[in-house]
PDB file of N, CA and C in Angstrom:
ATOM      1  N   MET A   1      -7.057 -14.921  21.444  1.00  0.00           N
ATOM      2  CA  MET A   1      -7.551 -14.242  20.254  1.00  0.00           C
ATOM      3  C   MET A   1      -6.379 -13.919  19.337  1.00  0.00           C
ATOM      4  N   SER A   2      -5.915 -12.679  19.296  1.00  0.00           N
ATOM      5  CA  SER A   2      -4.860 -12.291  18.364  1.00  0.00           C
ATOM      6  C   SER A   2      -3.926 -11.290  19.025  1.00  0.00           C
ATOM      7  N   GLU A   3      -2.728 -11.201  18.457  1.00  0.00           N
ATOM      8  CA  GLU A   3      -1.728 -10.303  19.011  1.00  0.00           C
ATOM      9  C   GLU A   3      -1.664  -8.966  18.281  1.00  0.00           C
ATOM     10  N   TYR A   4      -2.496  -8.736  17.313  1.00  0.00           N
ATOM     11  CA  TYR A   4      -2.500  -7.496  16.547  1.00  0.00           C
ATOM     12  C   TYR A   4      -3.750  -6.689  16.882  1.00  0.00           C
ATOM     13  N   PRO A   5      -3.638  -5.368  16.758  1.00  0.00           N
ATOM     14  CA  PRO A   5      -4.795  -4.516  17.065  1.00  0.00           C
ATOM     15  C   PRO A   5      -5.886  -4.654  16.004  1.00  0.00           C
ATOM     16  N   ILE A   6      -7.120  -4.655  16.463  1.00  0.00           N
ATOM     17  CA  ILE A   6      -8.274  -4.768  15.569  1.00  0.00           C
ATOM     18  C   ILE A   6      -9.152  -3.536  15.740  1.00  0.00           C
ATOM     19  N   LYS A   7      -9.544  -2.954  14.621  1.00  0.00           N
ATOM     20  CA  LYS A   7     -10.467  -1.830  14.635  1.00  0.00           C
ATOM     21  C   LYS A   7     -11.715  -2.250  13.859  1.00  0.00           C
ATOM     22  N   ILE A   8     -12.856  -2.168  14.513  1.00  0.00           N
ATOM     23  CA  ILE A   8     -14.123  -2.548  13.884  1.00  0.00           C
ATOM     24  C   ILE A   8     -14.848  -1.278  13.442  1.00  0.00           C
ATOM     25  N   ILE A   9     -15.211  -1.240  12.166  1.00  0.00           N
ATOM     26  CA  ILE A   9     -15.949  -0.100  11.614  1.00  0.00           C
ATOM     27  C   ILE A   9     -17.294  -0.614  11.128  1.00  0.00           C
ATOM     28  N   LYS A  10     -18.337  -0.138  11.765  1.00  0.00           N
ATOM     29  CA  LYS A  10     -19.686  -0.530  11.351  1.00  0.00           C
ATOM     30  C   LYS A  10     -20.233   0.534  10.407  1.00  0.00           C
ATOM     31  N   SER A  11     -20.802   0.072   9.310  1.00  0.00           N
ATOM     32  CA  SER A  11     -21.321   1.005   8.314  1.00  0.00           C
ATOM     33  C   SER A  11     -22.517   0.380   7.607  1.00  0.00           C
ATOM     34  N   LYS A  12     -23.093   1.143   6.728  1.00  0.00           N
ATOM     35  CA  LYS A  12     -24.267   0.697   5.981  1.00  0.00           C
ATOM     36  C   LYS A  12     -23.795  -0.151   4.800  1.00  0.00           C
ATOM     37  N   ARG A  13     -23.555  -1.413   5.085  1.00  0.00           N
ATOM     38  CA  ARG A  13     -23.073  -2.340   4.076  1.00  0.00           C
ATOM     39  C   ARG A  13     -23.697  -3.691   4.302  1.00  0.00           C
ATOM     40  N   LYS A  14     -23.562  -4.590   3.346  1.00  0.00           N
ATOM     41  CA  LYS A  14     -24.167  -5.913   3.460  1.00  0.00           C
ATOM     42  C   LYS A  14     -23.140  -7.010   3.722  1.00  0.00           C
ATOM     43  N   THR A  15     -21.880  -6.725   3.501  1.00  0.00           N
ATOM     44  CA  THR A  15     -20.846  -7.750   3.626  1.00  0.00           C
ATOM     45  C   THR A  15     -19.790  -7.335   4.643  1.00  0.00           C
ATOM     46  N   MET A  16     -18.935  -8.294   5.000  1.00  0.00           N
ATOM     47  CA  MET A  16     -17.803  -8.011   5.884  1.00  0.00           C
ATOM     48  C   MET A  16     -16.539  -7.970   5.047  1.00  0.00           C
ATOM     49  N   CYS A  17     -15.585  -7.178   5.508  1.00  0.00           N
ATOM     50  CA  CYS A  17     -14.338  -7.063   4.776  1.00  0.00           C
ATOM     51  C   CYS A  17     -13.181  -6.848   5.746  1.00  0.00           C
ATOM     52  N   LEU A  18     -12.018  -7.403   5.396  1.00  0.00           N
ATOM     53  CA  LEU A  18     -10.801  -7.235   6.193  1.00  0.00           C
ATOM     54  C   LEU A  18      -9.808  -6.382   5.434  1.00  0.00           C
ATOM     55  N   GLU A  19      -9.090  -5.559   6.169  1.00  0.00           N
ATOM     56  CA  GLU A  19      -8.032  -4.733   5.590  1.00  0.00           C
ATOM     57  C   GLU A  19      -6.903  -4.686   6.595  1.00  0.00           C
ATOM     58  N   ILE A  20      -5.677  -4.836   6.128  1.00  0.00           N
ATOM     59  CA  ILE A  20      -4.521  -4.752   7.017  1.00  0.00           C
ATOM     60  C   ILE A  20      -3.727  -3.522   6.628  1.00  0.00           C
ATOM     61  N   LYS A  21      -3.546  -2.618   7.571  1.00  0.00           N
ATOM     62  CA  LYS A  21      -2.776  -1.398   7.338  1.00  0.00           C
ATOM     63  C   LYS A  21      -1.284  -1.715   7.422  1.00  0.00           C
ATOM     64  N   HIS A  22      -0.453  -0.780   6.962  1.00  0.00           N
ATOM     65  CA  HIS A  22       0.998  -0.988   6.969  1.00  0.00           C
ATOM     66  C   HIS A  22       1.582  -1.110   8.367  1.00  0.00           C
ATOM     67  N   ASP A  23       0.880  -0.575   9.361  1.00  0.00           N
ATOM     68  CA  ASP A  23       1.367  -0.703  10.739  1.00  0.00           C
ATOM     69  C   ASP A  23       0.910  -2.001  11.394  1.00  0.00           C
ATOM     70  N   GLY A  24       0.199  -2.855  10.656  1.00  0.00           N
ATOM     71  CA  GLY A  24      -0.259  -4.132  11.178  1.00  0.00           C
ATOM     72  C   GLY A  24      -1.635  -4.094  11.807  1.00  0.00           C
ATOM     73  N   THR A  25      -2.287  -2.946  11.799  1.00  0.00           N
ATOM     74  CA  THR A  25      -3.630  -2.843  12.344  1.00  0.00           C
ATOM     75  C   THR A  25      -4.618  -3.527  11.404  1.00  0.00           C
ATOM     76  N   LEU A  26      -5.505  -4.327  11.969  1.00  0.00           N
ATOM     77  CA  LEU A  26      -6.520  -5.007  11.193  1.00  0.00           C
ATOM     78  C   LEU A  26      -7.809  -4.198  11.253  1.00  0.00           C
ATOM     79  N   ILE A  27      -8.304  -3.794  10.100  1.00  0.00           N
ATOM     80  CA  ILE A  27      -9.565  -3.070   9.987  1.00  0.00           C
ATOM     81  C   ILE A  27     -10.626  -4.070   9.532  1.00  0.00           C
ATOM     82  N   VAL A  28     -11.711  -4.167  10.294  1.00  0.00           N
ATOM     83  CA  VAL A  28     -12.813  -5.044   9.936  1.00  0.00           C
ATOM     84  C   VAL A  28     -14.027  -4.161   9.689  1.00  0.00           C
ATOM     85  N   ARG A  29     -14.516  -4.174   8.472  1.00  0.00           N
ATOM     86  CA  ARG A  29     -15.700  -3.388   8.121  1.00  0.00           C
ATOM     87  C   ARG A  29     -16.896  -4.341   8.090  1.00  0.00           C
ATOM     88  N   VAL A  30     -17.903  -3.991   8.851  1.00  0.00           N
ATOM     89  CA  VAL A  30     -19.063  -4.880   8.996  1.00  0.00           C
ATOM     90  C   VAL A  30     -20.349  -4.071   8.938  1.00  0.00           C
ATOM     91  N   PRO A  31     -21.483  -4.749   8.682  1.00  0.00           N
ATOM     92  CA  PRO A  31     -22.785  -4.064   8.708  1.00  0.00           C
ATOM     93  C   PRO A  31     -23.151  -3.634  10.129  1.00  0.00           C
ATOM     94  N   PHE A  32     -24.010  -2.643  10.237  1.00  0.00           N
ATOM     95  CA  PHE A  32     -24.458  -2.150  11.543  1.00  0.00           C
ATOM     96  C   PHE A  32     -25.022  -3.262  12.427  1.00  0.00           C
ATOM     97  N   PHE A  33     -25.777  -4.178  11.839  1.00  0.00           N
ATOM     98  CA  PHE A  33     -26.474  -5.182  12.622  1.00  0.00           C
ATOM     99  C   PHE A  33     -25.572  -6.312  13.125  1.00  0.00           C
ATOM    100  N   MET A  34     -24.311  -6.363  12.687  1.00  0.00           N
ATOM    101  CA  MET A  34     -23.412  -7.456  13.035  1.00  0.00           C
ATOM    102  C   MET A  34     -22.935  -7.320  14.477  1.00  0.00           C
ATOM    103  N   GLY A  35     -23.053  -8.369  15.259  1.00  0.00           N
ATOM    104  CA  GLY A  35     -22.600  -8.375  16.644  1.00  0.00           C
ATOM    105  C   GLY A  35     -21.108  -8.638  16.743  1.00  0.00           C
ATOM    106  N   ASN A  36     -20.505  -8.244  17.863  1.00  0.00           N
ATOM    107  CA  ASN A  36     -19.069  -8.418  18.047  1.00  0.00           C
ATOM    108  C   ASN A  36     -18.652  -9.881  18.026  1.00  0.00           C
ATOM    109  N   ASN A  37     -19.481 -10.787  18.566  1.00  0.00           N
ATOM    110  CA  ASN A  37     -19.147 -12.211  18.525  1.00  0.00           C
ATOM    111  C   ASN A  37     -19.052 -12.713  17.093  1.00  0.00           C
ATOM    112  N   ASP A  38     -19.963 -12.271  16.231  1.00  0.00           N
ATOM    113  CA  ASP A  38     -19.921 -12.659  14.823  1.00  0.00           C
ATOM    114  C   ASP A  38     -18.677 -12.099  14.132  1.00  0.00           C
ATOM    115  N   VAL A  39     -18.305 -10.883  14.510  1.00  0.00           N
ATOM    116  CA  VAL A  39     -17.106 -10.270  13.933  1.00  0.00           C
ATOM    117  C   VAL A  39     -15.876 -11.072  14.339  1.00  0.00           C
ATOM    118  N   LEU A  40     -15.783 -11.449  15.611  1.00  0.00           N
ATOM    119  CA  LEU A  40     -14.637 -12.214  16.080  1.00  0.00           C
ATOM    120  C   LEU A  40     -14.584 -13.598  15.436  1.00  0.00           C
ATOM    121  N   LYS A  41     -15.727 -14.230  15.218  1.00  0.00           N
ATOM    122  CA  LYS A  41     -15.758 -15.513  14.507  1.00  0.00           C
ATOM    123  C   LYS A  41     -15.230 -15.342  13.087  1.00  0.00           C
ATOM    124  N   PHE A  42     -15.651 -14.244  12.434  1.00  0.00           N
ATOM    125  CA  PHE A  42     -15.184 -13.965  11.074  1.00  0.00           C
ATOM    126  C   PHE A  42     -13.669 -13.776  11.050  1.00  0.00           C
ATOM    127  N   VAL A  43     -13.152 -12.987  11.992  1.00  0.00           N
ATOM    128  CA  VAL A  43     -11.711 -12.747  12.052  1.00  0.00           C
ATOM    129  C   VAL A  43     -10.974 -14.062  12.312  1.00  0.00           C
ATOM    130  N   ASN A  44     -11.473 -14.871  13.238  1.00  0.00           N
ATOM    131  CA  ASN A  44     -10.824 -16.148  13.540  1.00  0.00           C
ATOM    132  C   ASN A  44     -10.837 -17.087  12.342  1.00  0.00           C
ATOM    133  N   SER A  45     -11.867 -17.020  11.533  1.00  0.00           N
ATOM    134  CA  SER A  45     -11.939 -17.885  10.358  1.00  0.00           C
ATOM    135  C   SER A  45     -10.943 -17.458   9.272  1.00  0.00           C
ATOM    136  N   LYS A  46     -10.450 -16.244   9.373  1.00  0.00           N
ATOM    137  CA  LYS A  46      -9.516 -15.714   8.369  1.00  0.00           C
ATOM    138  C   LYS A  46      -8.080 -15.638   8.885  1.00  0.00           C
ATOM    139  N   GLN A  47      -7.760 -16.384   9.948  1.00  0.00           N
ATOM    140  CA  GLN A  47      -6.438 -16.308  10.571  1.00  0.00           C
ATOM    141  C   GLN A  47      -5.306 -16.618   9.595  1.00  0.00           C
ATOM    142  N   ASP A  48      -5.466 -17.615   8.748  1.00  0.00           N
ATOM    143  CA  ASP A  48      -4.400 -17.955   7.800  1.00  0.00           C
ATOM    144  C   ASP A  48      -4.109 -16.792   6.862  1.00  0.00           C
ATOM    145  N   TRP A  49      -5.165 -16.186   6.329  1.00  0.00           N
ATOM    146  CA  TRP A  49      -5.008 -15.040   5.426  1.00  0.00           C
ATOM    147  C   TRP A  49      -4.347 -13.879   6.153  1.00  0.00           C
ATOM    148  N   ILE A  50      -4.793 -13.606   7.367  1.00  0.00           N
ATOM    149  CA  ILE A  50      -4.253 -12.493   8.154  1.00  0.00           C
ATOM    150  C   ILE A  50      -2.776 -12.725   8.437  1.00  0.00           C
ATOM    151  N   ASN A  51      -2.433 -13.915   8.906  1.00  0.00           N
ATOM    152  CA  ASN A  51      -1.031 -14.206   9.237  1.00  0.00           C
ATOM    153  C   ASN A  51      -0.134 -14.133   8.016  1.00  0.00           C
ATOM    154  N   SER A  52      -0.615 -14.625   6.880  1.00  0.00           N
ATOM    155  CA  SER A  52       0.197 -14.562   5.668  1.00  0.00           C
ATOM    156  C   SER A  52       0.447 -13.118   5.236  1.00  0.00           C
ATOM    157  N   HIS A  53      -0.577 -12.270   5.308  1.00  0.00           N
ATOM    158  CA  HIS A  53      -0.409 -10.875   4.902  1.00  0.00           C
ATOM    159  C   HIS A  53       0.417 -10.082   5.914  1.00  0.00           C
ATOM    160  N   LEU A  54       0.272 -10.400   7.195  1.00  0.00           N
ATOM    161  CA  LEU A  54       1.100  -9.728   8.199  1.00  0.00           C
ATOM    162  C   LEU A  54       2.573 -10.074   8.005  1.00  0.00           C
ATOM    163  N   SER A  55       2.867 -11.318   7.664  1.00  0.00           N
ATOM    164  CA  SER A  55       4.271 -11.682   7.434  1.00  0.00           C
ATOM    165  C   SER A  55       4.818 -10.986   6.198  1.00  0.00           C
ATOM    166  N   LYS A  56       3.984 -10.817   5.159  1.00  0.00           N
ATOM    167  CA  LYS A  56       4.419 -10.076   3.970  1.00  0.00           C
ATOM    168  C   LYS A  56       4.741  -8.622   4.324  1.00  0.00           C
ATOM    169  N   ILE A  57       3.890  -8.016   5.147  1.00  0.00           N
ATOM    170  CA  ILE A  57       4.113  -6.631   5.555  1.00  0.00           C
ATOM    171  C   ILE A  57       5.410  -6.510   6.343  1.00  0.00           C
ATOM    172  N   LYS A  58       5.645  -7.439   7.257  1.00  0.00           N
ATOM    173  CA  LYS A  58       6.880  -7.408   8.055  1.00  0.00           C
ATOM    174  C   LYS A  58       8.104  -7.589   7.172  1.00  0.00           C
ATOM    175  N   ASN A  59       8.031  -8.500   6.193  1.00  0.00           N
ATOM    176  CA  ASN A  59       9.149  -8.715   5.275  1.00  0.00           C
ATOM    177  C   ASN A  59       9.406  -7.477   4.428  1.00  0.00           C
ATOM    178  N   ASN A  60       8.338  -6.839   3.944  1.00  0.00           N
ATOM    179  CA  ASN A  60       8.499  -5.627   3.141  1.00  0.00           C
ATOM    180  C   ASN A  60       9.125  -4.505   3.954  1.00  0.00           C
ATOM    181  N   GLN A  61       8.717  -4.366   5.210  1.00  0.00           N
ATOM    182  CA  GLN A  61       9.297  -3.332   6.061  1.00  0.00           C
ATOM    183  C   GLN A  61      10.765  -3.608   6.328  1.00  0.00           C
ATOM    184  N   ALA A  62      11.110  -4.879   6.536  1.00  0.00           N
ATOM    185  CA  ALA A  62      12.514  -5.238   6.763  1.00  0.00           C
ATOM    186  C   ALA A  62      13.335  -4.954   5.514  1.00  0.00           C
ATOM    187  N   ASP A  63      12.780  -5.261   4.342  1.00  0.00           N
ATOM    188  CA  ASP A  63      13.484  -4.976   3.095  1.00  0.00           C
ATOM    189  C   ASP A  63      13.709  -3.483   2.916  1.00  0.00           C
ATOM    190  N   LEU A  64      12.701  -2.678   3.237  1.00  0.00           N
ATOM    191  CA  LEU A  64      12.830  -1.234   3.090  1.00  0.00           C
ATOM    192  C   LEU A  64      13.894  -0.671   4.032  1.00  0.00           C
ATOM    193  N   GLU A  65      13.956  -1.197   5.240  1.00  0.00           N
ATOM    194  CA  GLU A  65      14.936  -0.713   6.201  1.00  0.00           C
ATOM    195  C   GLU A  65      16.358  -1.035   5.757  1.00  0.00           C
ATOM    196  N   ASN A  66      16.537  -2.095   4.982  1.00  0.00           N
ATOM    197  CA  ASN A  66      17.873  -2.513   4.546  1.00  0.00           C
ATOM    198  C   ASN A  66      18.265  -1.938   3.194  1.00  0.00           C
ATOM    199  N   ASN A  67      17.413  -1.141   2.581  1.00  0.00           N
ATOM    200  CA  ASN A  67      17.669  -0.656   1.227  1.00  0.00           C
ATOM    201  C   ASN A  67      17.813   0.864   1.155  1.00  0.00           C
ATOM    202  N   TYR A  68      18.690   1.424   1.938  1.00  0.00           N
ATOM    203  CA  TYR A  68      18.939   2.856   1.846  1.00  0.00           C
ATOM    204  C   TYR A  68      19.899   3.129   0.702  1.00  0.00           C
ATOM    205  N   LEU A  69      19.686   4.227   0.023  1.00  0.00           N
ATOM    206  CA  LEU A  69      20.558   4.626  -1.068  1.00  0.00           C
ATOM    207  C   LEU A  69      21.525   5.694  -0.577  1.00  0.00           C
ATOM    208  N   THR A  70      22.728   5.656  -1.112  1.00  0.00           N
ATOM    209  CA  THR A  70      23.698   6.701  -0.791  1.00  0.00           C
ATOM    210  C   THR A  70      23.359   7.938  -1.615  1.00  0.00           C
ATOM    211  N   LYS A  71      23.972   9.061  -1.244  1.00  0.00           N
ATOM    212  CA  LYS A  71      23.728  10.295  -2.001  1.00  0.00           C
ATOM    213  C   LYS A  71      24.202  10.162  -3.435  1.00  0.00           C
ATOM    214  N   ASP A  72      25.316   9.467  -3.641  1.00  0.00           N
ATOM    215  CA  ASP A  72      25.812   9.263  -5.005  1.00  0.00           C
ATOM    216  C   ASP A  72      24.843   8.427  -5.832  1.00  0.00           C
ATOM    217  N   GLU A  73      24.252   7.395  -5.214  1.00  0.00           N
ATOM    218  CA  GLU A  73      23.281   6.570  -5.930  1.00  0.00           C
ATOM    219  C   GLU A  73      22.035   7.380  -6.278  1.00  0.00           C
ATOM    220  N   ILE A  74      21.595   8.202  -5.352  1.00  0.00           N
ATOM    221  CA  ILE A  74      20.422   9.042  -5.603  1.00  0.00           C
ATOM    222  C   ILE A  74      20.710  10.019  -6.730  1.00  0.00           C
ATOM    223  N   ASN A  75      21.864  10.667  -6.689  1.00  0.00           N
ATOM    224  CA  ASN A  75      22.231  11.613  -7.747  1.00  0.00           C
ATOM    225  C   ASN A  75      22.331  10.916  -9.095  1.00  0.00           C
ATOM    226  N   ASN A  76      22.856   9.704  -9.102  1.00  0.00           N
ATOM    227  CA  ASN A  76      22.960   8.944 -10.345  1.00  0.00           C
ATOM    228  C   ASN A  76      21.575   8.620 -10.896  1.00  0.00           C
ATOM    229  N   LEU A  77      20.658   8.217 -10.022  1.00  0.00           N
ATOM    230  CA  LEU A  77      19.297   7.928 -10.462  1.00  0.00           C
ATOM    231  C   LEU A  77      18.596   9.182 -10.988  1.00  0.00           C
ATOM    232  N   ILE A  78      18.800  10.308 -10.322  1.00  0.00           N
ATOM    233  CA  ILE A  78      18.204  11.568 -10.771  1.00  0.00           C
ATOM    234  C   ILE A  78      18.747  11.947 -12.142  1.00  0.00           C
ATOM    235  N   SER A  79      20.045  11.791 -12.320  1.00  0.00           N
ATOM    236  CA  SER A  79      20.669  12.119 -13.601  1.00  0.00           C
ATOM    237  C   SER A  79      20.126  11.220 -14.718  1.00  0.00           C
ATOM    238  N   THR A  80      20.026   9.943 -14.432  1.00  0.00           N
ATOM    239  CA  THR A  80      19.500   9.000 -15.426  1.00  0.00           C
ATOM    240  C   THR A  80      18.055   9.333 -15.767  1.00  0.00           C
ATOM    241  N   ALA A  81      17.253   9.605 -14.741  1.00  0.00           N
ATOM    242  CA  ALA A  81      15.846   9.954 -14.962  1.00  0.00           C
ATOM    243  C   ALA A  81      15.729  11.256 -15.749  1.00  0.00           C
ATOM    244  N   SER A  82      16.585  12.220 -15.451  1.00  0.00           N
ATOM    245  CA  SER A  82      16.549  13.517 -16.151  1.00  0.00           C
ATOM    246  C   SER A  82      16.863  13.362 -17.627  1.00  0.00           C
ATOM    247  N   ASP A  83      17.688  12.382 -17.963  1.00  0.00           N
ATOM    248  CA  ASP A  83      18.013  12.140 -19.368  1.00  0.00           C
ATOM    249  C   ASP A  83      16.913  11.355 -20.073  1.00  0.00           C
ATOM    250  N   TYR A  84      16.340  10.382 -19.392  1.00  0.00           N
ATOM    251  CA  TYR A  84      15.420   9.433 -20.026  1.00  0.00           C
ATOM    252  C   TYR A  84      13.980   9.921 -20.076  1.00  0.00           C
ATOM    253  N   ILE A  85      13.479  10.413 -18.969  1.00  0.00           N
ATOM    254  CA  ILE A  85      12.052  10.732 -18.862  1.00  0.00           C
ATOM    255  C   ILE A  85      11.600  11.835 -19.823  1.00  0.00           C
ATOM    256  N   PRO A  86      12.317  12.953 -19.964  1.00  0.00           N
ATOM    257  CA  PRO A  86      11.834  13.991 -20.895  1.00  0.00           C
ATOM    258  C   PRO A  86      11.699  13.505 -22.336  1.00  0.00           C
ATOM    259  N   THR A  87      12.610  12.640 -22.789  1.00  0.00           N
ATOM    260  CA  THR A  87      12.490  12.140 -24.161  1.00  0.00           C
ATOM    261  C   THR A  87      11.265  11.239 -24.314  1.00  0.00           C
ATOM    262  N   ARG A  88      10.982  10.433 -23.308  1.00  0.00           N
ATOM    263  CA  ARG A  88       9.810   9.564 -23.359  1.00  0.00           C
ATOM    264  C   ARG A  88       8.513  10.375 -23.279  1.00  0.00           C
ATOM    265  N   VAL A  89       8.496  11.390 -22.427  1.00  0.00           N
ATOM    266  CA  VAL A  89       7.315  12.236 -22.310  1.00  0.00           C
ATOM    267  C   VAL A  89       7.057  12.952 -23.629  1.00  0.00           C
ATOM    268  N   SER A  90       8.100  13.471 -24.235  1.00  0.00           N
ATOM    269  CA  SER A  90       7.962  14.150 -25.524  1.00  0.00           C
ATOM    270  C   SER A  90       7.424  13.195 -26.589  1.00  0.00           C
ATOM    271  N   TYR A  91       7.961  11.991 -26.603  1.00  0.00           N
ATOM    272  CA  TYR A  91       7.522  10.977 -27.572  1.00  0.00           C
ATOM    273  C   TYR A  91       6.030  10.679 -27.416  1.00  0.00           C
ATOM    274  N   PHE A  92       5.612  10.397 -26.199  1.00  0.00           N
ATOM    275  CA  PHE A  92       4.211  10.045 -25.986  1.00  0.00           C
ATOM    276  C   PHE A  92       3.277  11.244 -26.096  1.00  0.00           C
ATOM    277  N   ALA A  93       3.768  12.433 -25.798  1.00  0.00           N
ATOM    278  CA  ALA A  93       2.932  13.632 -25.956  1.00  0.00           C
ATOM    279  C   ALA A  93       2.585  13.838 -27.427  1.00  0.00           C
ATOM    280  N   LYS A  94       3.565  13.594 -28.304  1.00  0.00           N
ATOM    281  CA  LYS A  94       3.296  13.725 -29.746  1.00  0.00           C
ATOM    282  C   LYS A  94       2.276  12.690 -30.211  1.00  0.00           C
ATOM    283  N   ILE A  95       2.421  11.472 -29.737  1.00  0.00           N
ATOM    284  CA  ILE A  95       1.496  10.408 -30.129  1.00  0.00           C
ATOM    285  C   ILE A  95       0.081  10.720 -29.655  1.00  0.00           C
ATOM    286  N   MET A  96      -0.033  11.222 -28.428  1.00  0.00           N
ATOM    287  CA  MET A  96      -1.347  11.482 -27.834  1.00  0.00           C
ATOM    288  C   MET A  96      -1.920  12.826 -28.263  1.00  0.00           C
ATOM    289  N   GLY A  97      -1.087  13.683 -28.871  1.00  0.00           N
ATOM    290  CA  GLY A  97      -1.559  14.994 -29.303  1.00  0.00           C
ATOM    291  C   GLY A  97      -1.786  15.943 -28.142  1.00  0.00           C
ATOM    292  N   VAL A  98      -0.959  15.850 -27.104  1.00  0.00           N
ATOM    293  CA  VAL A  98      -1.082  16.720 -25.938  1.00  0.00           C
ATOM    294  C   VAL A  98       0.225  17.476 -25.739  1.00  0.00           C
ATOM    295  N   SER A  99       0.154  18.498 -24.909  1.00  0.00           N
ATOM    296  CA  SER A  99       1.364  19.238 -24.570  1.00  0.00           C
ATOM    297  C   SER A  99       1.517  19.256 -23.059  1.00  0.00           C
ATOM    298  N   TYR A 100       2.683  19.580 -22.612  1.00  0.00           N
ATOM    299  CA  TYR A 100       2.985  19.649 -21.171  1.00  0.00           C
ATOM    300  C   TYR A 100       3.861  20.853 -20.929  1.00  0.00           C
ATOM    301  N   ASN A 101       3.829  21.343 -19.679  1.00  0.00           N
ATOM    302  CA  ASN A 101       4.606  22.529 -19.353  1.00  0.00           C
ATOM    303  C   ASN A 101       6.024  22.202 -18.927  1.00  0.00           C
ATOM    304  N   ARG A 102       6.146  21.345 -17.902  1.00  0.00           N
ATOM    305  CA  ARG A 102       7.477  21.009 -17.429  1.00  0.00           C
ATOM    306  C   ARG A 102       7.458  19.654 -16.755  1.00  0.00           C
ATOM    307  N   ILE A 103       8.639  19.141 -16.573  1.00  0.00           N
ATOM    308  CA  ILE A 103       8.804  17.852 -15.897  1.00  0.00           C
ATOM    309  C   ILE A 103       9.668  18.103 -14.670  1.00  0.00           C
ATOM    310  N   SER A 104       9.201  17.635 -13.514  1.00  0.00           N
ATOM    311  CA  SER A 104       9.952  17.771 -12.263  1.00  0.00           C
ATOM    312  C   SER A 104      10.388  16.385 -11.797  1.00  0.00           C
ATOM    313  N   ILE A 105      11.643  16.272 -11.460  1.00  0.00           N
ATOM    314  CA  ILE A 105      12.164  15.030 -10.900  1.00  0.00           C
ATOM    315  C   ILE A 105      12.697  15.352  -9.521  1.00  0.00           C
ATOM    316  N   ARG A 106      12.132  14.699  -8.516  1.00  0.00           N
ATOM    317  CA  ARG A 106      12.501  14.985  -7.118  1.00  0.00           C
ATOM    318  C   ARG A 106      12.934  13.715  -6.432  1.00  0.00           C
ATOM    319  N   THR A 107      13.609  13.878  -5.333  1.00  0.00           N
ATOM    320  CA  THR A 107      14.001  12.690  -4.561  1.00  0.00           C
ATOM    321  C   THR A 107      12.813  12.205  -3.784  1.00  0.00           C
TER     322      THR A 107
END
């Protein structure tokens, strides 16, 4: 079958749907009347899609693990954002005719 965990959620729906969580868990949403054999056939028919999305998730996680910022880089980004964002917010607030109380920039 497959090497990833599958969670089947039966609900009041007419169609089947697949969802892949960030941890690699496959969520299959199916109608109440759908049998497990039909669900497994559906999952097997979507193996290419599942494998492609799982590889994207793994690549994204690997990229995130390799992209840590130093404290100096974070401070530089905060400083840049503190200079740029308030002027843009003020500009668009005037155009939209709205006001705002404050702007918070956090890590």
